[in-house]
Amino acid sequence: MVPVPQRIAAAIDKITGPKHRARFVVEVLETELRRREQLAALEESAGCWKDENHPELANGPEPFIRDLRSRAVDRLQQMQHETSE
């Protein structure tokens, strides 16, 4: 059991009803745990991206994405052409 100040319990009850307080508290705790895990992962991975490892993005992501999409469209058209023969 975790003691909860009355004003917090009342605010929770107003949102969920008194019979759903425990479920609400568990959901809030799970959300906060995920948030903290994500923050820790971001902090751990900070600085791992090296520009020299991604020369395809030297001119920014837009040209790379355009090329990628264009190749996907070309490939789809090629596949459609091959199946229609």
C-alpha atoms as a PDB file:
ATOM      1  CA  MET A   1       0.000   0.000   0.000  1.00  0.00           C
ATOM      2  CA  VAL A   2       1.160   3.458  -0.866  1.00  0.00           C
ATOM      3  CA  PRO A   3      -0.324   6.347   1.059  1.00  0.00           C
ATOM      4  CA  VAL A   4      -1.898   8.931  -1.244  1.00  0.00           C
ATOM      5  CA  PRO A   5      -2.753  12.426  -0.044  1.00  0.00           C
ATOM      6  CA  GLN A   6      -6.515  12.953   0.133  1.00  0.00           C
ATOM      7  CA  ARG A   7      -6.512  15.789  -2.418  1.00  0.00           C
ATOM      8  CA  ILE A   8      -4.766  13.530  -4.981  1.00  0.00           C
ATOM      9  CA  ALA A   9      -7.113  10.616  -4.251  1.00  0.00           C
ATOM     10  CA  ALA A  10     -10.083  12.959  -4.685  1.00  0.00           C
ATOM     11  CA  ALA A  11      -8.733  14.261  -7.991  1.00  0.00           C
ATOM     12  CA  ILE A  12      -8.210  10.688  -9.243  1.00  0.00           C
ATOM     13  CA  ASP A  13     -11.692   9.683  -8.090  1.00  0.00           C
ATOM     14  CA  LYS A  14     -13.146  12.663  -9.940  1.00  0.00           C
ATOM     15  CA  ILE A  15     -11.567  11.397 -13.166  1.00  0.00           C
ATOM     16  CA  THR A  16     -11.990   7.644 -12.765  1.00  0.00           C
ATOM     17  CA  GLY A  17     -14.400   7.003  -9.936  1.00  0.00           C
ATOM     18  CA  PRO A  18     -13.262   5.513  -6.626  1.00  0.00           C
ATOM     19  CA  LYS A  19     -13.464   1.909  -7.798  1.00  0.00           C
ATOM     20  CA  HIS A  20     -10.912   2.500 -10.572  1.00  0.00           C
ATOM     21  CA  ARG A  21      -8.249   4.353  -8.600  1.00  0.00           C
ATOM     22  CA  ALA A  22      -5.767   1.442  -8.498  1.00  0.00           C
ATOM     23  CA  ARG A  23      -6.013   0.860 -12.261  1.00  0.00           C
ATOM     24  CA  PHE A  24      -5.425   4.563 -12.881  1.00  0.00           C
ATOM     25  CA  VAL A  25      -2.375   4.617 -10.609  1.00  0.00           C
ATOM     26  CA  VAL A  26      -0.915   1.553 -12.354  1.00  0.00           C
ATOM     27  CA  GLU A  27      -1.465   3.136 -15.800  1.00  0.00           C
ATOM     28  CA  VAL A  28       0.233   6.350 -14.685  1.00  0.00           C
ATOM     29  CA  LEU A  29       3.165   4.417 -13.243  1.00  0.00           C
ATOM     30  CA  GLU A  30       3.551   2.340 -16.416  1.00  0.00           C
ATOM     31  CA  THR A  31       3.499   5.483 -18.548  1.00  0.00           C
ATOM     32  CA  GLU A  32       6.115   7.149 -16.381  1.00  0.00           C
ATOM     33  CA  LEU A  33       8.330   4.059 -16.402  1.00  0.00           C
ATOM     34  CA  ARG A  34       8.201   3.914 -20.235  1.00  0.00           C
ATOM     35  CA  ARG A  35       9.006   7.625 -20.420  1.00  0.00           C
ATOM     36  CA  ARG A  36      12.025   7.231 -18.152  1.00  0.00           C
ATOM     37  CA  GLU A  37      13.232   4.150 -20.055  1.00  0.00           C
ATOM     38  CA  GLN A  38      12.987   6.126 -23.311  1.00  0.00           C
ATOM     39  CA  LEU A  39      14.910   9.034 -21.800  1.00  0.00           C
ATOM     40  CA  ALA A  40      17.619   6.662 -20.567  1.00  0.00           C
ATOM     41  CA  ALA A  41      17.870   5.074 -24.028  1.00  0.00           C
ATOM     42  CA  LEU A  42      18.157   8.509 -25.635  1.00  0.00           C
ATOM     43  CA  GLU A  43      20.862   9.555 -23.196  1.00  0.00           C
ATOM     44  CA  GLU A  44      22.743   6.290 -23.753  1.00  0.00           C
ATOM     45  CA  SER A  45      22.631   6.614 -27.529  1.00  0.00           C
ATOM     46  CA  ALA A  46      23.460  10.319 -27.661  1.00  0.00           C
ATOM     47  CA  GLY A  47      26.317  10.963 -30.059  1.00  0.00           C
ATOM     48  CA  CYS A  48      26.184   7.577 -31.786  1.00  0.00           C
ATOM     49  CA  TRP A  49      25.177   9.108 -35.141  1.00  0.00           C
ATOM     50  CA  LYS A  50      28.221   9.978 -37.210  1.00  0.00           C
ATOM     51  CA  ASP A  51      27.730  12.051 -40.372  1.00  0.00           C
ATOM     52  CA  GLU A  52      30.645  10.289 -42.088  1.00  0.00           C
ATOM     53  CA  ASN A  53      28.725   6.992 -41.795  1.00  0.00           C
ATOM     54  CA  HIS A  54      25.811   8.442 -43.792  1.00  0.00           C
ATOM     55  CA  PRO A  55      27.167  10.197 -46.899  1.00  0.00           C
ATOM     56  CA  GLU A  56      23.808   9.687 -48.625  1.00  0.00           C
ATOM     57  CA  LEU A  57      22.415  12.380 -46.326  1.00  0.00           C
ATOM     58  CA  ALA A  58      25.186  14.940 -46.967  1.00  0.00           C
ATOM     59  CA  ASN A  59      22.710  17.158 -48.874  1.00  0.00           C
ATOM     60  CA  GLY A  60      19.987  16.710 -46.289  1.00  0.00           C
ATOM     61  CA  PRO A  61      17.307  14.053 -46.081  1.00  0.00           C
ATOM     62  CA  GLU A  62      14.997  15.422 -48.797  1.00  0.00           C
ATOM     63  CA  PRO A  63      17.020  14.340 -51.872  1.00  0.00           C
ATOM     64  CA  PHE A  64      17.670  10.937 -50.318  1.00  0.00           C
ATOM     65  CA  ILE A  65      13.972  10.399 -49.569  1.00  0.00           C
ATOM     66  CA  ARG A  66      12.947  11.567 -53.051  1.00  0.00           C
ATOM     67  CA  ASP A  67      15.404   9.120 -54.629  1.00  0.00           C
ATOM     68  CA  LEU A  68      14.251   6.298 -52.367  1.00  0.00           C
ATOM     69  CA  ARG A  69      10.609   6.905 -53.240  1.00  0.00           C
ATOM     70  CA  SER A  70      11.386   7.195 -56.922  1.00  0.00           C
ATOM     71  CA  ARG A  71      13.210   3.858 -56.904  1.00  0.00           C
ATOM     72  CA  ALA A  72      10.275   2.280 -55.069  1.00  0.00           C
ATOM     73  CA  VAL A  73       7.838   3.575 -57.692  1.00  0.00           C
ATOM     74  CA  ASP A  74      10.130   2.357 -60.491  1.00  0.00           C
ATOM     75  CA  ARG A  75      10.365  -1.075 -58.866  1.00  0.00           C
ATOM     76  CA  LEU A  76       6.579  -1.286 -58.459  1.00  0.00           C
ATOM     77  CA  GLN A  77       6.054  -0.362 -62.106  1.00  0.00           C
ATOM     78  CA  GLN A  78       8.629  -2.987 -63.143  1.00  0.00           C
ATOM     79  CA  MET A  79       6.851  -5.632 -61.051  1.00  0.00           C
ATOM     80  CA  GLN A  80       3.478  -4.698 -62.518  1.00  0.00           C
ATOM     81  CA  HIS A  81       4.906  -4.857 -66.018  1.00  0.00           C
ATOM     82  CA  GLU A  82       6.452  -8.292 -65.350  1.00  0.00           C
ATOM     83  CA  THR A  83       3.156  -9.693 -64.027  1.00  0.00           C
ATOM     84  CA  SER A  84       1.172  -8.382 -66.986  1.00  0.00           C
ATOM     85  CA  GLU A  85       3.383 -10.170 -69.521  1.00  0.00           C
END
